[in-house]
Amino acid sequence: MTVIYKIAPATLWREAEAAGVFAGSPDDRRDGFIHCSTAEQLPGTAARYFAGAADLVLAAIAVGKLAGPLRWEPSGGGALFPHLYAPLDLGAILWVKPLPLGPDGRHVFPEDL
């Protein structure tokens, strides 16, 4: 099973849980797709876009359960990132976990990625 991940502010995620769908962050909506990452890409994504941010969650997404189109597109550095071109139906979520900051100010990822 292919799994991708979404980092999101906990407040936005709670709103998504109430609505049953994640429509994306303001950046996602601006860009027209929901930005996701692979497990290998997560540390870089967190450091670049969420540095020092607390109260985040990490959602694991089962690619095979996505209802909308997923495209693997190059970033500015050329790496292919998964972009979801539809709202994220929460039925595709495997789990959601807190993404805390460690003592060094970097995010601490779950060991079971």
PDB file of N, CA and C in Angstrom:
ATOM      1  N   MET A   1       0.844  -1.175   0.000  1.00  0.00           N
ATOM      2  CA  MET A   1       0.000   0.000   0.000  1.00  0.00           C
ATOM      3  C   MET A   1       0.890   1.239   0.000  1.00  0.00           C
ATOM      4  N   THR A   2       0.612   2.147  -0.912  1.00  0.00           N
ATOM      5  CA  THR A   2       1.345   3.405  -0.973  1.00  0.00           C
ATOM      6  C   THR A   2       0.713   4.394  -0.001  1.00  0.00           C
ATOM      7  N   VAL A   3       1.571   5.023   0.820  1.00  0.00           N
ATOM      8  CA  VAL A   3       1.117   5.980   1.817  1.00  0.00           C
ATOM      9  C   VAL A   3       1.836   7.299   1.590  1.00  0.00           C
ATOM     10  N   ILE A   4       1.079   8.390   1.612  1.00  0.00           N
ATOM     11  CA  ILE A   4       1.638   9.732   1.572  1.00  0.00           C
ATOM     12  C   ILE A   4       1.178  10.450   2.835  1.00  0.00           C
ATOM     13  N   TYR A   5       1.708  11.632   3.071  1.00  0.00           N
ATOM     14  CA  TYR A   5       1.454  12.324   4.334  1.00  0.00           C
ATOM     15  C   TYR A   5       1.109  13.789   4.106  1.00  0.00           C
ATOM     16  N   LYS A   6       0.302  14.308   5.023  1.00  0.00           N
ATOM     17  CA  LYS A   6      -0.060  15.727   5.028  1.00  0.00           C
ATOM     18  C   LYS A   6       0.237  16.299   6.400  1.00  0.00           C
ATOM     19  N   ILE A   7       0.996  17.388   6.444  1.00  0.00           N
ATOM     20  CA  ILE A   7       1.213  18.149   7.666  1.00  0.00           C
ATOM     21  C   ILE A   7       0.199  19.278   7.662  1.00  0.00           C
ATOM     22  N   ALA A   8      -0.490  19.448   8.784  1.00  0.00           N
ATOM     23  CA  ALA A   8      -1.513  20.499   8.851  1.00  0.00           C
ATOM     24  C   ALA A   8      -1.607  21.063  10.267  1.00  0.00           C
ATOM     25  N   PRO A   9      -1.989  22.320  10.378  1.00  0.00           N
ATOM     26  CA  PRO A   9      -2.282  22.861  11.712  1.00  0.00           C
ATOM     27  C   PRO A   9      -3.431  22.082  12.343  1.00  0.00           C
ATOM     28  N   ALA A  10      -3.306  21.801  13.619  1.00  0.00           N
ATOM     29  CA  ALA A  10      -4.333  21.014  14.317  1.00  0.00           C
ATOM     30  C   ALA A  10      -5.710  21.662  14.229  1.00  0.00           C
ATOM     31  N   THR A  11      -5.778  22.988  14.256  1.00  0.00           N
ATOM     32  CA  THR A  11      -7.080  23.661  14.179  1.00  0.00           C
ATOM     33  C   THR A  11      -7.757  23.383  12.840  1.00  0.00           C
ATOM     34  N   LEU A  12      -6.993  23.425  11.746  1.00  0.00           N
ATOM     35  CA  LEU A  12      -7.577  23.120  10.430  1.00  0.00           C
ATOM     36  C   LEU A  12      -8.025  21.667  10.364  1.00  0.00           C
ATOM     37  N   TRP A  13      -7.246  20.781  10.993  1.00  0.00           N
ATOM     38  CA  TRP A  13      -7.609  19.367  10.948  1.00  0.00           C
ATOM     39  C   TRP A  13      -8.893  19.101  11.734  1.00  0.00           C
ATOM     40  N   ARG A  14      -9.041  19.770  12.868  1.00  0.00           N
ATOM     41  CA  ARG A  14     -10.285  19.606  13.641  1.00  0.00           C
ATOM     42  C   ARG A  14     -11.496  20.078  12.825  1.00  0.00           C
ATOM     43  N   GLU A  15     -11.322  21.171  12.089  1.00  0.00           N
ATOM     44  CA  GLU A  15     -12.394  21.648  11.215  1.00  0.00           C
ATOM     45  C   GLU A  15     -12.711  20.606  10.144  1.00  0.00           C
ATOM     46  N   ALA A  16     -11.677  19.985   9.593  1.00  0.00           N
ATOM     47  CA  ALA A  16     -11.872  18.948   8.572  1.00  0.00           C
ATOM     48  C   ALA A  16     -12.618  17.756   9.155  1.00  0.00           C
ATOM     49  N   GLU A  17     -12.265  17.355  10.362  1.00  0.00           N
ATOM     50  CA  GLU A  17     -12.950  16.227  10.993  1.00  0.00           C
ATOM     51  C   GLU A  17     -14.430  16.540  11.199  1.00  0.00           C
ATOM     52  N   ALA A  18     -14.744  17.765  11.557  1.00  0.00           N
ATOM     53  CA  ALA A  18     -16.149  18.152  11.730  1.00  0.00           C
ATOM     54  C   ALA A  18     -16.883  18.141  10.391  1.00  0.00           C
ATOM     55  N   ALA A  19     -16.180  18.525   9.318  1.00  0.00           N
ATOM     56  CA  ALA A  19     -16.797  18.584   7.987  1.00  0.00           C
ATOM     57  C   ALA A  19     -16.760  17.250   7.254  1.00  0.00           C
ATOM     58  N   GLY A  20     -15.859  16.339   7.667  1.00  0.00           N
ATOM     59  CA  GLY A  20     -15.714  15.054   6.992  1.00  0.00           C
ATOM     60  C   GLY A  20     -14.812  15.098   5.785  1.00  0.00           C
ATOM     61  N   VAL A  21     -14.202  16.257   5.537  1.00  0.00           N
ATOM     62  CA  VAL A  21     -13.315  16.416   4.383  1.00  0.00           C
ATOM     63  C   VAL A  21     -12.312  17.524   4.690  1.00  0.00           C
ATOM     64  N   PHE A  22     -11.090  17.361   4.194  1.00  0.00           N
ATOM     65  CA  PHE A  22     -10.064  18.388   4.342  1.00  0.00           C
ATOM     66  C   PHE A  22      -9.966  19.122   3.010  1.00  0.00           C
ATOM     67  N   ALA A  23     -10.342  20.396   3.009  1.00  0.00           N
ATOM     68  CA  ALA A  23     -10.341  21.195   1.782  1.00  0.00           C
ATOM     69  C   ALA A  23      -8.983  21.820   1.502  1.00  0.00           C
ATOM     70  N   GLY A  24      -8.056  21.684   2.442  1.00  0.00           N
ATOM     71  CA  GLY A  24      -6.713  22.217   2.256  1.00  0.00           C
ATOM     72  C   GLY A  24      -6.448  23.432   3.111  1.00  0.00           C
ATOM     73  N   SER A  25      -5.168  23.714   3.244  1.00  0.00           N
ATOM     74  CA  SER A  25      -4.729  24.913   3.958  1.00  0.00           C
ATOM     75  C   SER A  25      -4.893  26.113   3.034  1.00  0.00           C
ATOM     76  N   PRO A  26      -4.717  27.323   3.552  1.00  0.00           N
ATOM     77  CA  PRO A  26      -4.750  28.480   2.656  1.00  0.00           C
ATOM     78  C   PRO A  26      -3.733  28.361   1.507  1.00  0.00           C
ATOM     79  N   ASP A  27      -2.546  27.828   1.785  1.00  0.00           N
ATOM     80  CA  ASP A  27      -1.554  27.635   0.716  1.00  0.00           C
ATOM     81  C   ASP A  27      -2.031  26.615  -0.309  1.00  0.00           C
ATOM     82  N   ASP A  28      -2.648  25.529   0.159  1.00  0.00           N
ATOM     83  CA  ASP A  28      -3.184  24.516  -0.755  1.00  0.00           C
ATOM     84  C   ASP A  28      -4.242  25.135  -1.672  1.00  0.00           C
ATOM     85  N   ARG A  29      -5.154  25.872  -1.067  1.00  0.00           N
ATOM     86  CA  ARG A  29      -6.240  26.468  -1.856  1.00  0.00           C
ATOM     87  C   ARG A  29      -5.695  27.476  -2.861  1.00  0.00           C
ATOM     88  N   ARG A  30      -4.694  28.243  -2.451  1.00  0.00           N
ATOM     89  CA  ARG A  30      -4.062  29.207  -3.362  1.00  0.00           C
ATOM     90  C   ARG A  30      -3.442  28.492  -4.568  1.00  0.00           C
ATOM     91  N   ASP A  31      -2.785  27.361  -4.313  1.00  0.00           N
ATOM     92  CA  ASP A  31      -2.081  26.637  -5.374  1.00  0.00           C
ATOM     93  C   ASP A  31      -2.980  25.714  -6.188  1.00  0.00           C
ATOM     94  N   GLY A  32      -4.195  25.443  -5.705  1.00  0.00           N
ATOM     95  CA  GLY A  32      -5.138  24.627  -6.462  1.00  0.00           C
ATOM     96  C   GLY A  32      -5.006  23.130  -6.238  1.00  0.00           C
ATOM     97  N   PHE A  33      -4.218  22.726  -5.244  1.00  0.00           N
ATOM     98  CA  PHE A  33      -4.072  21.307  -4.912  1.00  0.00           C
ATOM     99  C   PHE A  33      -3.603  21.194  -3.474  1.00  0.00           C
ATOM    100  N   ILE A  34      -3.757  20.000  -2.901  1.00  0.00           N
ATOM    101  CA  ILE A  34      -3.308  19.748  -1.536  1.00  0.00           C
ATOM    102  C   ILE A  34      -1.890  19.191  -1.595  1.00  0.00           C
ATOM    103  N   HIS A  35      -0.968  19.923  -0.987  1.00  0.00           N
ATOM    104  CA  HIS A  35       0.439  19.529  -0.935  1.00  0.00           C
ATOM    105  C   HIS A  35       0.605  18.345   0.021  1.00  0.00           C
ATOM    106  N   CYS A  36       1.232  17.295  -0.445  1.00  0.00           N
ATOM    107  CA  CYS A  36       1.533  16.126   0.389  1.00  0.00           C
ATOM    108  C   CYS A  36       3.009  15.795   0.236  1.00  0.00           C
ATOM    109  N   SER A  37       3.471  14.844   1.026  1.00  0.00           N
ATOM    110  CA  SER A  37       4.872  14.424   0.989  1.00  0.00           C
ATOM    111  C   SER A  37       4.964  12.923   1.183  1.00  0.00           C
ATOM    112  N   THR A  38       6.075  12.358   0.733  1.00  0.00           N
ATOM    113  CA  THR A  38       6.397  10.975   1.069  1.00  0.00           C
ATOM    114  C   THR A  38       7.051  10.982   2.446  1.00  0.00           C
ATOM    115  N   ALA A  39       7.246   9.813   3.022  1.00  0.00           N
ATOM    116  CA  ALA A  39       7.914   9.721   4.323  1.00  0.00           C
ATOM    117  C   ALA A  39       9.321  10.332   4.254  1.00  0.00           C
ATOM    118  N   GLU A  40      10.016  10.089   3.162  1.00  0.00           N
ATOM    119  CA  GLU A  40      11.371  10.607   3.010  1.00  0.00           C
ATOM    120  C   GLU A  40      11.394  12.124   2.883  1.00  0.00           C
ATOM    121  N   GLN A  41      10.349  12.702   2.331  1.00  0.00           N
ATOM    122  CA  GLN A  41      10.286  14.149   2.108  1.00  0.00           C
ATOM    123  C   GLN A  41       9.827  14.933   3.339  1.00  0.00           C
ATOM    124  N   LEU A  42       9.225  14.249   4.310  1.00  0.00           N
ATOM    125  CA  LEU A  42       8.633  14.941   5.457  1.00  0.00           C
ATOM    126  C   LEU A  42       9.587  15.851   6.223  1.00  0.00           C
ATOM    127  N   PRO A  43      10.794  15.394   6.597  1.00  0.00           N
ATOM    128  CA  PRO A  43      11.667  16.298   7.351  1.00  0.00           C
ATOM    129  C   PRO A  43      11.967  17.598   6.606  1.00  0.00           C
ATOM    130  N   GLY A  44      12.210  17.515   5.314  1.00  0.00           N
ATOM    131  CA  GLY A  44      12.474  18.720   4.526  1.00  0.00           C
ATOM    132  C   GLY A  44      11.261  19.617   4.420  1.00  0.00           C
ATOM    133  N   THR A  45      10.092  19.012   4.226  1.00  0.00           N
ATOM    134  CA  THR A  45       8.855  19.794   4.150  1.00  0.00           C
ATOM    135  C   THR A  45       8.603  20.519   5.463  1.00  0.00           C
ATOM    136  N   ALA A  46       8.766  19.809   6.566  1.00  0.00           N
ATOM    137  CA  ALA A  46       8.533  20.421   7.878  1.00  0.00           C
ATOM    138  C   ALA A  46       9.513  21.562   8.128  1.00  0.00           C
ATOM    139  N   ALA A  47      10.776  21.339   7.807  1.00  0.00           N
ATOM    140  CA  ALA A  47      11.800  22.358   8.047  1.00  0.00           C
ATOM    141  C   ALA A  47      11.584  23.593   7.168  1.00  0.00           C
ATOM    142  N   ARG A  48      11.175  23.384   5.935  1.00  0.00           N
ATOM    143  CA  ARG A  48      11.037  24.507   5.007  1.00  0.00           C
ATOM    144  C   ARG A  48       9.751  25.296   5.209  1.00  0.00           C
ATOM    145  N   TYR A  49       8.641  24.593   5.435  1.00  0.00           N
ATOM    146  CA  TYR A  49       7.337  25.269   5.451  1.00  0.00           C
ATOM    147  C   TYR A  49       6.704  25.389   6.837  1.00  0.00           C
ATOM    148  N   PHE A  50       7.212  24.648   7.809  1.00  0.00           N
ATOM    149  CA  PHE A  50       6.590  24.651   9.133  1.00  0.00           C
ATOM    150  C   PHE A  50       7.615  24.871  10.253  1.00  0.00           C
ATOM    151  N   ALA A  51       8.764  25.443   9.934  1.00  0.00           N
ATOM    152  CA  ALA A  51       9.833  25.631  10.922  1.00  0.00           C
ATOM    153  C   ALA A  51       9.308  26.354  12.160  1.00  0.00           C
ATOM    154  N   GLY A  52       9.522  25.738  13.317  1.00  0.00           N
ATOM    155  CA  GLY A  52       9.130  26.338  14.588  1.00  0.00           C
ATOM    156  C   GLY A  52       7.650  26.303  14.896  1.00  0.00           C
ATOM    157  N   ALA A  53       6.839  25.796  13.985  1.00  0.00           N
ATOM    158  CA  ALA A  53       5.384  25.771  14.195  1.00  0.00           C
ATOM    159  C   ALA A  53       5.009  24.649  15.149  1.00  0.00           C
ATOM    160  N   ALA A  54       4.239  24.996  16.147  1.00  0.00           N
ATOM    161  CA  ALA A  54       3.728  24.011  17.099  1.00  0.00           C
ATOM    162  C   ALA A  54       2.265  23.741  16.759  1.00  0.00           C
ATOM    163  N   ASP A  55       1.671  22.788  17.455  1.00  0.00           N
ATOM    164  CA  ASP A  55       0.257  22.445  17.279  1.00  0.00           C
ATOM    165  C   ASP A  55      -0.053  21.996  15.853  1.00  0.00           C
ATOM    166  N   LEU A  56       0.816  21.123  15.336  1.00  0.00           N
ATOM    167  CA  LEU A  56       0.604  20.523  14.019  1.00  0.00           C
ATOM    168  C   LEU A  56       0.208  19.063  14.177  1.00  0.00           C
ATOM    169  N   VAL A  57      -0.415  18.519  13.126  1.00  0.00           N
ATOM    170  CA  VAL A  57      -0.686  17.085  13.069  1.00  0.00           C
ATOM    171  C   VAL A  57      -0.098  16.535  11.774  1.00  0.00           C
ATOM    172  N   LEU A  58       0.135  15.243  11.794  1.00  0.00           N
ATOM    173  CA  LEU A  58       0.598  14.518  10.621  1.00  0.00           C
ATOM    174  C   LEU A  58      -0.448  13.464  10.296  1.00  0.00           C
ATOM    175  N   ALA A  59      -0.966  13.513   9.079  1.00  0.00           N
ATOM    176  CA  ALA A  59      -1.977  12.551   8.636  1.00  0.00           C
ATOM    177  C   ALA A  59      -1.363  11.608   7.614  1.00  0.00           C
ATOM    178  N   ALA A  60      -1.559  10.302   7.814  1.00  0.00           N
ATOM    179  CA  ALA A  60      -1.132   9.283   6.857  1.00  0.00           C
ATOM    180  C   ALA A  60      -2.307   8.984   5.928  1.00  0.00           C
ATOM    181  N   ILE A  61      -2.047   9.013   4.638  1.00  0.00           N
ATOM    182  CA  ILE A  61      -3.093   8.889   3.621  1.00  0.00           C
ATOM    183  C   ILE A  61      -2.835   7.652   2.763  1.00  0.00           C
ATOM    184  N   ALA A  62      -3.839   6.797   2.631  1.00  0.00           N
ATOM    185  CA  ALA A  62      -3.746   5.627   1.755  1.00  0.00           C
ATOM    186  C   ALA A  62      -4.062   6.078   0.329  1.00  0.00           C
ATOM    187  N   VAL A  63      -3.062   6.066  -0.531  1.00  0.00           N
ATOM    188  CA  VAL A  63      -3.231   6.552  -1.902  1.00  0.00           C
ATOM    189  C   VAL A  63      -4.359   5.813  -2.623  1.00  0.00           C
ATOM    190  N   GLY A  64      -4.469   4.517  -2.404  1.00  0.00           N
ATOM    191  CA  GLY A  64      -5.498   3.725  -3.080  1.00  0.00           C
ATOM    192  C   GLY A  64      -6.922   4.077  -2.693  1.00  0.00           C
ATOM    193  N   LYS A  65      -7.097   4.825  -1.614  1.00  0.00           N
ATOM    194  CA  LYS A  65      -8.440   5.217  -1.169  1.00  0.00           C
ATOM    195  C   LYS A  65      -8.805   6.643  -1.571  1.00  0.00           C
ATOM    196  N   LEU A  66      -7.912   7.320  -2.273  1.00  0.00           N
ATOM    197  CA  LEU A  66      -8.200   8.695  -2.678  1.00  0.00           C
ATOM    198  C   LEU A  66      -9.268   8.727  -3.764  1.00  0.00           C
ATOM    199  N   ALA A  67     -10.196   9.655  -3.630  1.00  0.00           N
ATOM    200  CA  ALA A  67     -11.270   9.788  -4.608  1.00  0.00           C
ATOM    201  C   ALA A  67     -10.871  10.711  -5.759  1.00  0.00           C
ATOM    202  N   GLY A  68      -9.967  11.631  -5.509  1.00  0.00           N
ATOM    203  CA  GLY A  68      -9.589  12.600  -6.534  1.00  0.00           C
ATOM    204  C   GLY A  68      -8.260  12.279  -7.168  1.00  0.00           C
ATOM    205  N   PRO A  69      -7.901  13.031  -8.207  1.00  0.00           N
ATOM    206  CA  PRO A  69      -6.646  12.780  -8.911  1.00  0.00           C
ATOM    207  C   PRO A  69      -5.419  13.186  -8.088  1.00  0.00           C
ATOM    208  N   LEU A  70      -4.424  12.307  -8.089  1.00  0.00           N
ATOM    209  CA  LEU A  70      -3.140  12.545  -7.439  1.00  0.00           C
ATOM    210  C   LEU A  70      -2.089  12.605  -8.534  1.00  0.00           C
ATOM    211  N   ARG A  71      -1.314  13.681  -8.527  1.00  0.00           N
ATOM    212  CA  ARG A  71      -0.251  13.835  -9.523  1.00  0.00           C
ATOM    213  C   ARG A  71       1.076  13.983  -8.793  1.00  0.00           C
ATOM    214  N   TRP A  72       2.095  13.345  -9.340  1.00  0.00           N
ATOM    215  CA  TRP A  72       3.467  13.460  -8.809  1.00  0.00           C
ATOM    216  C   TRP A  72       4.162  14.509  -9.661  1.00  0.00           C
ATOM    217  N   GLU A  73       4.419  15.677  -9.034  1.00  0.00           N
ATOM    218  CA  GLU A  73       4.932  16.805  -9.791  1.00  0.00           C
ATOM    219  C   GLU A  73       6.244  17.313  -9.184  1.00  0.00           C
ATOM    220  N   PRO A  74       7.131  17.839 -10.035  1.00  0.00           N
ATOM    221  CA  PRO A  74       8.433  18.300  -9.536  1.00  0.00           C
ATOM    222  C   PRO A  74       8.327  19.576  -8.717  1.00  0.00           C
ATOM    223  N   SER A  75       9.134  19.622  -7.672  1.00  0.00           N
ATOM    224  CA  SER A  75       9.261  20.838  -6.872  1.00  0.00           C
ATOM    225  C   SER A  75      10.331  21.703  -7.534  1.00  0.00           C
ATOM    226  N   GLY A  76      10.614  22.831  -6.924  1.00  0.00           N
ATOM    227  CA  GLY A  76      11.657  23.700  -7.445  1.00  0.00           C
ATOM    228  C   GLY A  76      13.004  22.992  -7.528  1.00  0.00           C
ATOM    229  N   GLY A  77      13.233  22.041  -6.617  1.00  0.00           N
ATOM    230  CA  GLY A  77      14.481  21.286  -6.622  1.00  0.00           C
ATOM    231  C   GLY A  77      14.453  20.073  -7.531  1.00  0.00           C
ATOM    232  N   GLY A  78      13.305  19.791  -8.129  1.00  0.00           N
ATOM    233  CA  GLY A  78      13.199  18.681  -9.067  1.00  0.00           C
ATOM    234  C   GLY A  78      12.614  17.397  -8.505  1.00  0.00           C
ATOM    235  N   ALA A  79      12.537  17.266  -7.170  1.00  0.00           N
ATOM    236  CA  ALA A  79      11.956  16.056  -6.580  1.00  0.00           C
ATOM    237  C   ALA A  79      10.460  16.002  -6.874  1.00  0.00           C
ATOM    238  N   LEU A  80       9.941  14.803  -7.073  1.00  0.00           N
ATOM    239  CA  LEU A  80       8.514  14.641  -7.342  1.00  0.00           C
ATOM    240  C   LEU A  80       7.742  14.572  -6.029  1.00  0.00           C
ATOM    241  N   PHE A  81       6.764  15.451  -5.882  1.00  0.00           N
ATOM    242  CA  PHE A  81       5.910  15.489  -4.695  1.00  0.00           C
ATOM    243  C   PHE A  81       4.487  15.124  -5.081  1.00  0.00           C
ATOM    244  N   PRO A  82       3.764  14.433  -4.179  1.00  0.00           N
ATOM    245  CA  PRO A  82       2.367  14.104  -4.456  1.00  0.00           C
ATOM    246  C   PRO A  82       1.458  15.302  -4.201  1.00  0.00           C
ATOM    247  N   HIS A  83       0.662  15.633  -5.209  1.00  0.00           N
ATOM    248  CA  HIS A  83      -0.289  16.738  -5.125  1.00  0.00           C
ATOM    249  C   HIS A  83      -1.687  16.199  -5.402  1.00  0.00           C
ATOM    250  N   LEU A  84      -2.605  16.429  -4.471  1.00  0.00           N
ATOM    251  CA  LEU A  84      -3.978  15.955  -4.609  1.00  0.00           C
ATOM    252  C   LEU A  84      -4.841  17.080  -5.169  1.00  0.00           C
ATOM    253  N   TYR A  85      -5.434  16.841  -6.330  1.00  0.00           N
ATOM    254  CA  TYR A  85      -6.254  17.844  -7.008  1.00  0.00           C
ATOM    255  C   TYR A  85      -7.735  17.641  -6.713  1.00  0.00           C
ATOM    256  N   ALA A  86      -8.058  17.547  -5.450  1.00  0.00           N
ATOM    257  CA  ALA A  86      -9.434  17.384  -4.988  1.00  0.00           C
ATOM    258  C   ALA A  86      -9.416  17.527  -3.469  1.00  0.00           C
ATOM    259  N   PRO A  87     -10.557  17.783  -2.861  1.00  0.00           N
ATOM    260  CA  PRO A  87     -10.591  17.744  -1.394  1.00  0.00           C
ATOM    261  C   PRO A  87     -10.217  16.345  -0.908  1.00  0.00           C
ATOM    262  N   LEU A  88      -9.621  16.290   0.262  1.00  0.00           N
ATOM    263  CA  LEU A  88      -9.181  15.025   0.843  1.00  0.00           C
ATOM    264  C   LEU A  88     -10.312  14.429   1.674  1.00  0.00           C
ATOM    265  N   ASP A  89     -10.904  13.356   1.163  1.00  0.00           N
ATOM    266  CA  ASP A  89     -11.948  12.630   1.889  1.00  0.00           C
ATOM    267  C   ASP A  89     -11.287  11.923   3.061  1.00  0.00           C
ATOM    268  N   LEU A  90     -11.801  12.128   4.251  1.00  0.00           N
ATOM    269  CA  LEU A  90     -11.168  11.563   5.433  1.00  0.00           C
ATOM    270  C   LEU A  90     -11.244  10.037   5.484  1.00  0.00           C
ATOM    271  N   GLY A  91     -12.000   9.420   4.597  1.00  0.00           N
ATOM    272  CA  GLY A  91     -12.026   7.970   4.500  1.00  0.00           C
ATOM    273  C   GLY A  91     -10.705   7.392   4.014  1.00  0.00           C
ATOM    274  N   ALA A  92      -9.837   8.238   3.442  1.00  0.00           N
ATOM    275  CA  ALA A  92      -8.529   7.786   2.963  1.00  0.00           C
ATOM    276  C   ALA A  92      -7.457   7.898   4.050  1.00  0.00           C
ATOM    277  N   ILE A  93      -7.827   8.413   5.217  1.00  0.00           N
ATOM    278  CA  ILE A  93      -6.855   8.630   6.290  1.00  0.00           C
ATOM    279  C   ILE A  93      -6.646   7.341   7.082  1.00  0.00           C
ATOM    280  N   LEU A  94      -5.378   6.946   7.233  1.00  0.00           N
ATOM    281  CA  LEU A  94      -5.029   5.767   8.023  1.00  0.00           C
ATOM    282  C   LEU A  94      -4.888   6.112   9.494  1.00  0.00           C
ATOM    283  N   TRP A  95      -4.265   7.248   9.773  1.00  0.00           N
ATOM    284  CA  TRP A  95      -4.121   7.740  11.137  1.00  0.00           C
ATOM    285  C   TRP A  95      -3.733   9.212  11.112  1.00  0.00           C
ATOM    286  N   VAL A  96      -3.954   9.859  12.249  1.00  0.00           N
ATOM    287  CA  VAL A  96      -3.533  11.250  12.460  1.00  0.00           C
ATOM    288  C   VAL A  96      -2.829  11.288  13.810  1.00  0.00           C
ATOM    289  N   LYS A  97      -1.625  11.861  13.824  1.00  0.00           N
ATOM    290  CA  LYS A  97      -0.839  11.935  15.055  1.00  0.00           C
ATOM    291  C   LYS A  97      -0.318  13.350  15.237  1.00  0.00           C
ATOM    292  N   PRO A  98      -0.097  13.742  16.498  1.00  0.00           N
ATOM    293  CA  PRO A  98       0.526  15.048  16.740  1.00  0.00           C
ATOM    294  C   PRO A  98       1.928  15.082  16.140  1.00  0.00           C
ATOM    295  N   LEU A  99       2.353  16.275  15.734  1.00  0.00           N
ATOM    296  CA  LEU A  99       3.697  16.467  15.203  1.00  0.00           C
ATOM    297  C   LEU A  99       4.391  17.524  16.081  1.00  0.00           C
ATOM    298  N   PRO A 100       4.911  17.076  17.217  1.00  0.00           N
ATOM    299  CA  PRO A 100       5.485  18.033  18.185  1.00  0.00           C
ATOM    300  C   PRO A 100       6.873  18.519  17.779  1.00  0.00           C
ATOM    301  N   LEU A 101       7.259  19.608  18.417  1.00  0.00           N
ATOM    302  CA  LEU A 101       8.621  20.110  18.284  1.00  0.00           C
ATOM    303  C   LEU A 101       9.492  19.442  19.336  1.00  0.00           C
ATOM    304  N   GLY A 102      10.687  19.052  18.950  1.00  0.00           N
ATOM    305  CA  GLY A 102      11.634  18.492  19.900  1.00  0.00           C
ATOM    306  C   GLY A 102      12.405  19.602  20.591  1.00  0.00           C
ATOM    307  N   PRO A 103      13.267  19.245  21.545  1.00  0.00           N
ATOM    308  CA  PRO A 103      14.059  20.234  22.279  1.00  0.00           C
ATOM    309  C   PRO A 103      14.953  21.085  21.367  1.00  0.00           C
ATOM    310  N   ASP A 104      15.314  20.532  20.200  1.00  0.00           N
ATOM    311  CA  ASP A 104      16.172  21.262  19.263  1.00  0.00           C
ATOM    312  C   ASP A 104      15.376  22.166  18.318  1.00  0.00           C
ATOM    313  N   GLY A 105      14.033  22.196  18.489  1.00  0.00           N
ATOM    314  CA  GLY A 105      13.193  23.038  17.650  1.00  0.00           C
ATOM    315  C   GLY A 105      12.762  22.393  16.346  1.00  0.00           C
ATOM    316  N   ARG A 106      13.186  21.148  16.108  1.00  0.00           N
ATOM    317  CA  ARG A 106      12.774  20.420  14.903  1.00  0.00           C
ATOM    318  C   ARG A 106      11.592  19.509  15.242  1.00  0.00           C
ATOM    319  N   HIS A 107      10.796  19.221  14.252  1.00  0.00           N
ATOM    320  CA  HIS A 107       9.639  18.357  14.471  1.00  0.00           C
ATOM    321  C   HIS A 107      10.075  16.908  14.701  1.00  0.00           C
ATOM    322  N   VAL A 108       9.342  16.248  15.577  1.00  0.00           N
ATOM    323  CA  VAL A 108       9.631  14.856  15.922  1.00  0.00           C
ATOM    324  C   VAL A 108       8.574  13.986  15.247  1.00  0.00           C
ATOM    325  N   PHE A 109       9.017  13.169  14.307  1.00  0.00           N
ATOM    326  CA  PHE A 109       8.112  12.338  13.526  1.00  0.00           C
ATOM    327  C   PHE A 109       7.891  10.985  14.201  1.00  0.00           C
ATOM    328  N   PRO A 110       6.714  10.403  13.997  1.00  0.00           N
ATOM    329  CA  PRO A 110       6.467   9.063  14.545  1.00  0.00           C
ATOM    330  C   PRO A 110       7.487   8.070  13.997  1.00  0.00           C
ATOM    331  N   GLU A 111       7.840   7.104  14.816  1.00  0.00           N
ATOM    332  CA  GLU A 111       8.837   6.111  14.399  1.00  0.00           C
ATOM    333  C   GLU A 111       8.302   5.135  13.362  1.00  0.00           C
ATOM    334  N   ASP A 112       6.988   5.002  13.262  1.00  0.00           N
ATOM    335  CA  ASP A 112       6.389   3.986  12.381  1.00  0.00           C
ATOM    336  C   ASP A 112       6.016   4.515  10.995  1.00  0.00           C
ATOM    337  N   LEU A 113       6.798   5.429  10.456  1.00  0.00           N
ATOM    338  CA  LEU A 113       6.505   5.925   9.102  1.00  0.00           C
ATOM    339  C   LEU A 113       6.908   4.913   8.065  1.00  0.00           C
TER     340      LEU A 113
END
